[in-house]
Protein backbone atom coordinates (compact mmCIF):
# COMPACT_ATOMS: atom_id res chain seq x y z
CA UNK A 1 -12.11 -33.13 10.67
CA UNK A 2 -15.29 -31.63 8.35
CA UNK A 3 -15.24 -33.77 4.92
CA UNK A 4 -14.56 -31.48 2.12
CA UNK A 5 -17.16 -33.10 0.14
CA UNK A 6 -20.05 -31.84 2.72
CA UNK A 7 -19.32 -28.15 1.55
CA UNK A 8 -19.61 -29.00 -2.41
CA UNK A 9 -22.64 -28.28 -4.10
CA UNK A 10 -24.14 -30.92 -6.67
CA UNK A 11 -22.14 -28.80 -9.66
CA UNK A 12 -18.71 -29.28 -7.69
CA UNK A 13 -18.69 -25.67 -6.56
CA UNK A 14 -17.91 -25.14 -2.82
CA UNK A 15 -18.68 -22.27 -0.49
CA UNK A 16 -15.14 -21.01 -0.95
CA UNK A 17 -15.31 -20.77 -4.82
CA UNK A 18 -18.16 -18.54 -4.50
CA UNK A 19 -16.76 -16.29 -2.13
CA UNK A 20 -13.49 -15.97 -4.43
CA UNK A 21 -15.81 -15.27 -7.32
CA UNK A 22 -17.67 -12.62 -5.21
CA UNK A 23 -14.46 -11.21 -4.20
CA UNK A 24 -13.23 -11.15 -7.74
CA UNK A 25 -16.13 -9.48 -9.24
CA UNK A 26 -16.44 -6.79 -6.50
CA UNK A 27 -12.68 -5.84 -6.49
CA UNK A 28 -12.91 -5.32 -10.21
CA UNK A 29 -16.04 -3.56 -10.25
CA UNK A 30 -14.57 -0.93 -7.47
CA UNK A 31 -11.26 -0.32 -9.49
CA UNK A 32 -13.26 -0.03 -12.75
CA UNK A 33 -15.51 2.68 -11.04
CA UNK A 34 -12.61 4.06 -9.42
CA UNK A 35 -10.56 4.56 -12.70
CA UNK A 36 -13.27 5.59 -14.73
CA UNK A 37 -14.55 8.63 -11.99
CA UNK A 38 -18.23 7.41 -12.14
CA UNK A 39 -18.50 8.87 -8.40
CA UNK A 40 -15.74 11.75 -8.02
CA UNK A 41 -16.69 12.09 -4.30
CA UNK A 42 -15.58 8.43 -3.39
CA UNK A 43 -12.20 8.04 -2.16
CA UNK A 44 -10.63 4.92 -1.78
CA UNK A 45 -7.11 3.09 -1.37
CA UNK A 46 -6.90 1.51 -4.75
CA UNK A 47 -3.80 -0.55 -3.84
CA UNK A 48 -5.79 -2.27 -1.40
CA UNK A 49 -8.66 -3.33 -3.69
CA UNK A 50 -5.94 -4.48 -6.57
CA UNK A 51 -4.15 -6.44 -3.87
CA UNK A 52 -7.48 -8.39 -3.52
CA UNK A 53 -8.35 -8.57 -7.14
CA UNK A 54 -4.72 -9.97 -7.49
CA UNK A 55 -5.16 -12.65 -4.75
CA UNK A 56 -8.29 -13.55 -6.04
CA UNK A 57 -6.85 -13.75 -9.68
CA UNK A 58 -3.99 -16.11 -8.15
CA UNK A 59 -6.53 -18.26 -6.39
CA UNK A 60 -8.09 -19.52 -9.76
CA UNK A 61 -4.63 -19.81 -11.49
CA UNK A 62 -4.76 -16.11 -13.35
CA UNK A 63 -1.24 -14.61 -13.57
CA UNK A 64 -0.09 -11.38 -15.14
CA UNK A 65 2.35 -11.63 -17.83
CA UNK A 66 4.86 -8.91 -17.78
CA UNK A 67 5.98 -7.90 -21.37
CA UNK A 68 9.79 -8.81 -20.71
CA UNK A 69 8.92 -12.02 -18.85
CA UNK A 70 10.34 -14.97 -20.76
CA UNK A 71 8.49 -17.85 -21.57
CA UNK A 72 9.03 -20.97 -19.17
CA UNK A 73 10.77 -23.58 -21.08
CA UNK A 74 9.54 -27.15 -20.77
CA UNK A 75 11.44 -29.45 -18.21
CA UNK A 76 13.81 -31.63 -20.38
CA UNK A 77 13.13 -35.48 -19.70
CA UNK A 78 15.90 -37.34 -20.97
CA UNK A 79 15.51 -41.28 -21.44
CA UNK A 80 16.77 -43.06 -19.30
CA UNK A 81 20.48 -44.71 -20.18
CA UNK A 82 20.65 -48.44 -20.49
CA UNK A 83 23.90 -50.00 -19.57
CA UNK A 84 24.95 -53.74 -20.15
CA UNK A 85 24.55 -55.98 -17.15
CA UNK A 86 27.76 -57.04 -15.60
CA UNK A 87 28.79 -60.67 -15.00
């Protein structure tokens, strides 16, 4: 198997990260141009581009938060119960 360190540049960015950034920028640009109507003759499927944008954002850990979504409560960590030793 290939060593993952071989694909990393000196700054720690891999080729996969650059491709994900390119897809993120490209899909955001296409959606913006489509919604603004800059090129009225351009016909495209906005749902496909939006799914690419969502996937690229999710790969970087960016999530969309809806208005009615509750905050996630942090997990409760209970201290261990100490029991006296039995004889």
